[in-house]
């Protein structure tokens, strides 16, 4: 059997898309009909490029969103002002590098409002537009299977911090209740749902630096509990979860090891588990899955990142095949899908990888998957 291919979700946006998104972000006047038409065209082009690259399970590239987490401020009530900015701990250890990133425009600038009121949905209108664009593009370009990203309660709490609810736990519970309808709308449309959960790893060295690893794992477990509550009416085989240590080129010397997050990841109500295994800081951690094979539930499908998303190297297909084969040897080919470490367009207008190279990487991913037998 052939190994299926996918990626984490976000893909490079065109300048016209970015201009529209930031006009909306800054509260400037723009033509809503022209905005919608631009998004429809861009999603069609994005899906076409994925199909041409050989990707089996496609997304809309998160085209219309300012970012994978903060888009919720536009679709839910309760957010205003600005949240504290916390640079990752590893970058603080290397202040000259952090300064260089800032001076070179290597750190994205966008609104991160606080939660200052009750979180409630403004309706699913914007989501329904995204769904319609993706499904139309899939039909036009012959993609048989698609997924749509959504922010997890935990990652929302990481970037849009709580200034209203009495406790973090109460905030998480409110977010889970509010996001539940979004998750169910995506699945009801016939798409797979992907929950982006960098809060399960990145937040260790970004927000919870004062805790021990063991204390942080308990926090992460509470995030999974909130997420599972929001997924209570969705079959696990329609859900993907992505864990991440931060999609940026940096030292990453403060990343909590996968070995410590393994059980937390396995507890998520999701059949498909997406994680990093290509960047230099986490490339060795495939051995965690080998050594703890007995702890991988039989209904889980592993989706290792077999191409990096922070450098412009295009991986050789043979290397991609080697990375995939390690996981095939652990759980079998029917329980492995080849993916990317993270997204290529995590924030609108920001990305370390050249757009054309991003698709070259996806093509290498597909070519590598085809070599695995």
Protein backbone atom coordinates (compact mmCIF):
# COMPACT_ATOMS: atom_id res chain seq x y z
CA UNK A 1 0.00 0.00 0.00
CA UNK A 2 1.09 3.58 -0.58
CA UNK A 3 1.68 5.98 2.29
CA UNK A 4 -0.84 8.82 2.37
CA UNK A 5 0.45 12.40 2.52
CA UNK A 6 -0.75 15.55 4.26
CA UNK A 7 0.71 18.55 6.11
CA UNK A 8 -0.05 20.59 9.22
CA UNK A 9 -2.33 23.12 7.56
CA UNK A 10 -1.13 26.66 6.95
CA UNK A 11 0.45 27.52 3.61
CA UNK A 12 1.92 30.72 2.12
CA UNK A 13 -0.62 33.42 1.26
CA UNK A 14 -0.46 35.75 -1.73
CA UNK A 15 0.26 39.43 -1.18
CA UNK A 16 -3.31 40.32 -2.16
CA UNK A 17 -4.64 37.96 0.53
CA UNK A 18 -2.23 39.40 3.10
CA UNK A 19 -3.23 42.97 2.20
CA UNK A 20 -6.92 42.17 2.68
CA UNK A 21 -6.31 40.38 5.98
CA UNK A 22 -4.29 43.24 7.42
CA UNK A 23 -6.79 45.84 6.21
CA UNK A 24 -9.38 43.96 8.26
CA UNK A 25 -6.93 43.55 11.13
CA UNK A 26 -6.24 47.30 11.28
CA UNK A 27 -9.90 48.26 10.94
CA UNK A 28 -9.37 49.90 7.54
CA UNK A 29 -12.07 50.16 4.91
CA UNK A 30 -12.20 47.30 2.42
CA UNK A 31 -14.76 45.79 0.07
CA UNK A 32 -16.19 42.67 1.79
CA UNK A 33 -17.30 41.19 -1.54
CA UNK A 34 -13.82 41.67 -3.00
CA UNK A 35 -12.34 40.13 0.16
CA UNK A 36 -14.53 37.04 -0.20
CA UNK A 37 -13.79 36.70 -3.92
CA UNK A 38 -10.06 36.96 -3.23
CA UNK A 39 -10.23 34.20 -0.60
CA UNK A 40 -12.19 31.91 -2.92
CA UNK A 41 -9.61 32.31 -5.70
CA UNK A 42 -6.69 31.90 -3.33
CA UNK A 43 -8.06 28.72 -1.73
CA UNK A 44 -8.64 27.21 -5.17
CA UNK A 45 -5.06 27.96 -6.16
CA UNK A 46 -3.73 26.61 -2.85
CA UNK A 47 -5.61 23.32 -3.23
CA UNK A 48 -4.47 23.01 -6.85
CA UNK A 49 -0.84 23.37 -5.81
CA UNK A 50 -1.24 20.75 -3.08
CA UNK A 51 -2.79 18.27 -5.52
CA UNK A 52 -0.06 18.93 -8.08
CA UNK A 53 2.56 18.34 -5.37
CA UNK A 54 1.03 14.94 -4.58
CA UNK A 55 -0.69 15.72 -1.27
CA UNK A 56 -3.59 13.37 -0.57
CA UNK A 57 -5.27 15.11 2.38
CA UNK A 58 -5.43 18.84 1.66
CA UNK A 59 -6.41 22.00 3.55
CA UNK A 60 -7.44 25.53 2.65
CA UNK A 61 -4.00 26.69 3.81
CA UNK A 62 -5.75 28.73 6.55
CA UNK A 63 -5.94 31.37 3.84
CA UNK A 64 -8.46 33.74 5.43
CA UNK A 65 -6.99 33.68 8.96
CA UNK A 66 -4.55 36.17 10.45
CA UNK A 67 -3.02 33.27 12.38
CA UNK A 68 -3.87 29.76 13.51
CA UNK A 69 -4.83 30.87 17.04
CA UNK A 70 -5.70 34.58 17.17
CA UNK A 71 -8.34 34.35 14.41
CA UNK A 72 -10.80 33.54 17.20
CA UNK A 73 -10.82 37.21 18.29
CA UNK A 74 -12.71 37.97 15.06
CA UNK A 75 -15.25 35.17 15.47
CA UNK A 76 -15.97 35.22 19.21
CA UNK A 77 -16.91 37.91 21.72
CA UNK A 78 -14.94 38.73 24.85
CA UNK A 79 -11.59 39.87 23.42
CA UNK A 80 -10.10 43.37 23.52
CA UNK A 81 -6.91 45.24 24.36
CA UNK A 82 -3.57 43.45 24.19
CA UNK A 83 -2.02 40.42 25.89
CA UNK A 84 1.50 40.37 27.37
CA UNK A 85 4.14 39.22 24.90
CA UNK A 86 6.34 36.39 26.15
CA UNK A 87 9.37 35.55 24.03
CA UNK A 88 10.27 31.85 24.18
CA UNK A 89 12.82 31.09 26.88
CA UNK A 90 15.38 29.76 24.44
CA UNK A 91 15.47 33.07 22.55
CA UNK A 92 15.94 34.96 25.82
CA UNK A 93 19.08 32.88 26.42
CA UNK A 94 20.49 34.28 23.16
CA UNK A 95 19.50 37.98 23.27
CA UNK A 96 21.64 39.00 20.29
CA UNK A 97 19.87 36.43 18.14
CA UNK A 98 16.47 37.58 19.44
CA UNK A 99 17.41 41.17 18.61
CA UNK A 100 18.48 40.11 15.14
CA UNK A 101 15.16 38.36 14.57
CA UNK A 102 13.28 41.48 15.63
CA UNK A 103 15.40 43.80 13.49
CA UNK A 104 15.08 41.55 10.45
CA UNK A 105 11.30 41.32 10.79
CA UNK A 106 11.62 37.74 11.96
CA UNK A 107 8.99 38.06 14.66
CA UNK A 108 5.40 38.54 13.44
CA UNK A 109 3.43 41.53 14.71
CA UNK A 110 -0.31 41.14 15.09
CA UNK A 111 -3.03 41.84 17.65
CA UNK A 112 -3.25 39.52 20.66
CA UNK A 113 -6.15 40.87 22.70
CA UNK A 114 -6.91 39.77 26.25
CA UNK A 115 -10.04 37.93 27.23
CA UNK A 116 -11.98 40.71 28.97
CA UNK A 117 -15.53 39.35 28.78
CA UNK A 118 -17.63 36.27 28.25
CA UNK A 119 -16.48 34.20 25.28
CA UNK A 120 -19.36 33.49 22.91
CA UNK A 121 -19.56 32.65 19.22
CA UNK A 122 -20.59 35.39 16.82
CA UNK A 123 -21.93 32.65 14.57
CA UNK A 124 -20.37 30.28 12.09
CA UNK A 125 -20.63 32.56 9.05
CA UNK A 126 -16.89 33.07 8.49
CA UNK A 127 -16.22 29.38 9.08
CA UNK A 128 -18.94 28.39 6.62
CA UNK A 129 -17.28 30.57 3.97
CA UNK A 130 -13.96 28.79 4.62
CA UNK A 131 -15.65 25.40 4.37
CA UNK A 132 -17.43 26.31 1.13
CA UNK A 133 -14.19 27.57 -0.42
CA UNK A 134 -12.29 24.42 0.51
CA UNK A 135 -14.98 22.01 -0.67
CA UNK A 136 -15.40 23.87 -3.97
CA UNK A 137 -11.64 23.83 -4.53
CA UNK A 138 -11.45 20.12 -3.73
CA UNK A 139 -14.20 19.36 -6.24
CA UNK A 140 -12.54 21.55 -8.87
CA UNK A 141 -9.10 19.98 -8.52
CA UNK A 142 -9.97 16.39 -7.69
CA UNK A 143 -8.92 16.24 -4.04
CA UNK A 144 -10.79 13.42 -2.33
CA UNK A 145 -10.10 14.24 1.32
CA UNK A 146 -9.67 17.50 3.17
CA UNK A 147 -9.17 18.86 6.65
CA UNK A 148 -9.69 22.20 8.32
CA UNK A 149 -7.71 23.65 11.20
CA UNK A 150 -9.20 25.04 14.38
CA UNK A 151 -7.59 26.45 17.50
CA UNK A 152 -7.64 24.32 20.63
CA UNK A 153 -8.86 25.83 23.91
CA UNK A 154 -5.31 25.56 25.25
CA UNK A 155 -3.63 27.46 22.44
CA UNK A 156 -6.22 30.22 22.63
CA UNK A 157 -5.43 30.58 26.32
CA UNK A 158 -1.72 30.77 25.46
CA UNK A 159 -1.96 33.67 23.01
CA UNK A 160 -5.16 35.43 24.16
CA UNK A 161 -4.60 35.45 27.89
CA UNK A 162 -7.27 35.48 30.55
CA UNK A 163 -8.30 38.72 32.20
CA UNK A 164 -11.95 37.89 32.88
CA UNK A 165 -12.54 34.40 34.25
CA UNK A 166 -11.66 33.70 37.87
CA UNK A 167 -9.22 30.88 37.08
CA UNK A 168 -7.34 29.46 34.10
CA UNK A 169 -9.45 26.32 34.46
CA UNK A 170 -12.64 28.33 34.18
CA UNK A 171 -11.27 30.09 31.09
CA UNK A 172 -10.36 26.77 29.48
CA UNK A 173 -13.82 25.40 30.20
CA UNK A 174 -15.47 28.47 28.66
CA UNK A 175 -13.27 28.20 25.57
CA UNK A 176 -14.07 24.51 25.22
CA UNK A 177 -17.80 25.23 25.39
CA UNK A 178 -17.50 28.09 22.89
CA UNK A 179 -15.34 26.19 20.37
CA UNK A 180 -17.42 23.02 20.44
CA UNK A 181 -19.83 24.21 17.73
CA UNK A 182 -16.94 25.23 15.44
CA UNK A 183 -15.42 21.78 15.71
CA UNK A 184 -18.74 20.08 15.05
CA UNK A 185 -19.50 22.32 12.05
CA UNK A 186 -16.24 21.31 10.38
CA UNK A 187 -16.91 17.60 10.85
CA UNK A 188 -20.55 17.89 9.79
CA UNK A 189 -19.32 19.39 6.51
CA UNK A 190 -17.47 16.16 5.73
CA UNK A 191 -14.00 17.46 6.53
CA UNK A 192 -11.51 16.14 9.06
CA UNK A 193 -10.94 18.45 12.01
CA UNK A 194 -7.41 19.39 13.01
CA UNK A 195 -6.77 20.89 16.43
CA UNK A 196 -3.56 22.91 16.66
CA UNK A 197 -2.07 22.35 20.13
CA UNK A 198 1.32 24.03 20.55
CA UNK A 199 0.14 24.71 24.10
CA UNK A 200 1.08 21.08 24.83
CA UNK A 201 4.78 21.81 24.23
CA UNK A 202 5.57 25.42 23.20
CA UNK A 203 3.85 26.90 26.23
CA UNK A 204 6.31 25.07 28.53
CA UNK A 205 9.09 27.49 27.54
CA UNK A 206 6.86 30.43 26.70
CA UNK A 207 4.28 30.82 29.48
CA UNK A 208 5.02 28.23 32.18
CA UNK A 209 8.75 28.70 32.67
CA UNK A 210 8.33 28.92 36.43
CA UNK A 211 6.96 25.38 36.69
CA UNK A 212 8.79 22.09 36.86
CA UNK A 213 8.34 19.71 33.94
CA UNK A 214 6.08 17.54 36.08
CA UNK A 215 3.92 20.53 37.03
CA UNK A 216 3.71 21.58 33.39
CA UNK A 217 2.60 18.08 32.32
CA UNK A 218 -0.32 18.40 34.74
CA UNK A 219 -1.23 21.73 33.13
CA UNK A 220 -1.02 20.16 29.66
CA UNK A 221 -3.18 17.25 30.82
CA UNK A 222 -5.84 19.76 31.89
CA UNK A 223 -5.69 21.28 28.41
CA UNK A 224 -6.33 17.86 26.87
CA UNK A 225 -9.24 17.32 29.23
CA UNK A 226 -10.81 20.60 28.09
CA UNK A 227 -10.19 19.68 24.46
CA UNK A 228 -11.70 16.22 24.88
CA UNK A 229 -14.79 17.80 26.42
CA UNK A 230 -15.20 19.98 23.32
CA UNK A 231 -14.81 16.85 21.17
CA UNK A 232 -17.29 14.78 23.16
CA UNK A 233 -19.80 14.52 20.30
CA UNK A 234 -17.25 14.01 17.50
CA UNK A 235 -15.89 10.57 16.51
CA UNK A 236 -12.16 10.31 17.21
CA UNK A 237 -11.53 9.02 13.68
CA UNK A 238 -12.46 12.46 12.31
CA UNK A 239 -9.96 14.32 14.49
CA UNK A 240 -6.28 15.26 14.09
CA UNK A 241 -4.17 16.84 16.85
CA UNK A 242 -0.87 18.64 16.24
CA UNK A 243 1.70 19.15 19.00
CA UNK A 244 4.42 21.75 18.46
CA UNK A 245 7.44 23.33 20.16
CA UNK A 246 7.26 26.54 18.15
CA UNK A 247 7.54 26.94 14.39
CA UNK A 248 10.61 29.17 14.37
CA UNK A 249 14.29 28.81 13.62
CA UNK A 250 16.03 29.11 16.96
CA UNK A 251 18.10 27.17 19.48
CA UNK A 252 15.10 25.32 21.01
CA UNK A 253 17.30 24.30 23.94
CA UNK A 254 14.38 24.76 26.36
CA UNK A 255 11.96 22.42 24.57
CA UNK A 256 10.38 19.84 26.85
CA UNK A 257 11.20 16.35 25.50
CA UNK A 258 8.60 14.33 23.62
CA UNK A 259 9.19 11.52 26.13
CA UNK A 260 7.60 13.70 28.82
CA UNK A 261 4.64 14.70 26.63
CA UNK A 262 4.03 11.27 25.10
CA UNK A 263 1.23 10.14 27.43
CA UNK A 264 -0.47 13.55 27.23
CA UNK A 265 -0.50 13.36 23.44
CA UNK A 266 -1.85 9.81 23.46
CA UNK A 267 -4.72 10.89 25.73
CA UNK A 268 -6.20 13.27 23.16
CA UNK A 269 -9.49 12.13 21.60
CA UNK A 270 -7.99 12.06 18.14
CA UNK A 271 -7.07 9.23 15.82
CA UNK A 272 -4.37 11.20 14.00
CA UNK A 273 -1.36 12.55 15.89
CA UNK A 274 0.89 15.09 14.12
CA UNK A 275 4.30 15.92 15.58
CA UNK A 276 7.78 17.18 14.67
CA UNK A 277 10.53 14.73 13.70
CA UNK A 278 12.53 16.59 11.05
CA UNK A 279 14.09 19.64 12.68
CA UNK A 280 17.47 19.17 14.37
CA UNK A 281 16.07 19.44 17.89
CA UNK A 282 13.45 16.71 17.55
CA UNK A 283 14.71 14.48 14.74
CA UNK A 284 15.95 11.89 17.23
CA UNK A 285 12.63 11.49 19.02
CA UNK A 286 11.24 8.83 16.71
CA UNK A 287 12.92 6.47 19.17
CA UNK A 288 10.39 7.50 21.83
CA UNK A 289 7.66 5.92 19.71
CA UNK A 290 9.80 2.85 19.09
CA UNK A 291 10.63 2.37 22.74
CA UNK A 292 7.08 3.04 23.94
CA UNK A 293 5.21 1.21 21.21
CA UNK A 294 3.09 -0.56 23.82
CA UNK A 295 1.79 2.84 24.92
CA UNK A 296 0.44 3.75 21.47
CA UNK A 297 -3.27 2.82 21.37
CA UNK A 298 -4.14 0.61 18.40
CA UNK A 299 -6.59 3.18 17.04
CA UNK A 300 -3.94 5.90 16.71
CA UNK A 301 -2.41 6.88 13.37
CA UNK A 302 1.00 8.57 13.52
CA UNK A 303 1.61 11.56 11.25
CA UNK A 304 5.29 12.43 11.70
CA UNK A 305 6.69 15.59 10.19
CA UNK A 306 9.07 14.36 7.52
CA UNK A 307 9.93 17.80 6.11
CA UNK A 308 11.05 20.80 8.16
CA UNK A 309 9.14 24.08 7.96
CA UNK A 310 11.77 26.56 9.16
CA UNK A 311 14.52 26.23 6.52
CA UNK A 312 14.70 26.47 2.75
CA UNK A 313 16.50 23.16 2.33
CA UNK A 314 14.37 20.84 0.19
CA UNK A 315 14.68 17.38 1.70
CA UNK A 316 15.78 14.58 -0.59
CA UNK A 317 12.97 12.07 -1.19
CA UNK A 318 15.26 9.28 0.00
CA UNK A 319 15.65 11.03 3.36
CA UNK A 320 11.89 11.53 3.55
CA UNK A 321 11.40 7.82 2.86
CA UNK A 322 13.86 6.89 5.61
CA UNK A 323 11.99 9.07 8.10
CA UNK A 324 8.65 7.53 7.15
CA UNK A 325 10.01 3.99 7.25
CA UNK A 326 11.02 4.34 10.90
CA UNK A 327 7.39 4.77 11.88
CA UNK A 328 6.14 2.12 9.47
CA UNK A 329 8.44 -0.30 11.25
CA UNK A 330 6.84 0.68 14.57
CA UNK A 331 3.08 0.62 13.83
CA UNK A 332 2.70 -0.57 10.23
CA UNK A 333 2.07 1.26 6.98
CA UNK A 334 -1.70 1.47 7.51
CA UNK A 335 -1.12 3.56 10.63
CA UNK A 336 1.34 6.11 9.20
CA UNK A 337 0.64 9.25 7.18
CA UNK A 338 3.51 11.47 6.05
CA UNK A 339 3.23 15.07 7.19
CA UNK A 340 5.19 18.27 7.81
CA UNK A 341 6.74 19.47 11.06
CA UNK A 342 4.44 22.49 11.22
CA UNK A 343 2.74 24.97 8.89
CA UNK A 344 4.39 27.07 6.19
CA UNK A 345 2.23 30.14 6.80
CA UNK A 346 1.60 30.15 10.54
CA UNK A 347 1.02 33.93 10.50
CA UNK A 348 -0.31 35.88 7.52
CA UNK A 349 2.54 37.59 5.71
CA UNK A 350 5.18 35.78 7.73
CA UNK A 351 7.12 32.63 6.92
CA UNK A 352 10.73 31.54 6.88
CA UNK A 353 10.27 29.36 3.80
CA UNK A 354 9.90 30.85 0.31
CA UNK A 355 6.42 30.04 -1.04
CA UNK A 356 7.69 28.17 -4.09
CA UNK A 357 10.12 26.20 -1.93
CA UNK A 358 7.28 25.29 0.44
CA UNK A 359 5.53 23.48 -2.40
CA UNK A 360 8.82 21.93 -3.51
CA UNK A 361 9.09 20.51 0.00
CA UNK A 362 5.56 19.10 -0.25
CA UNK A 363 6.50 17.53 -3.59
CA UNK A 364 9.57 15.96 -1.96
CA UNK A 365 7.32 14.71 0.83
CA UNK A 366 5.05 12.98 -1.68
CA UNK A 367 7.97 11.57 -3.68
CA UNK A 368 9.49 10.18 -0.50
CA UNK A 369 6.21 8.59 0.55
CA UNK A 370 5.99 6.89 -2.85
CA UNK A 371 9.37 5.24 -2.22
CA UNK A 372 8.16 3.50 0.95
CA UNK A 373 6.88 -0.03 0.41
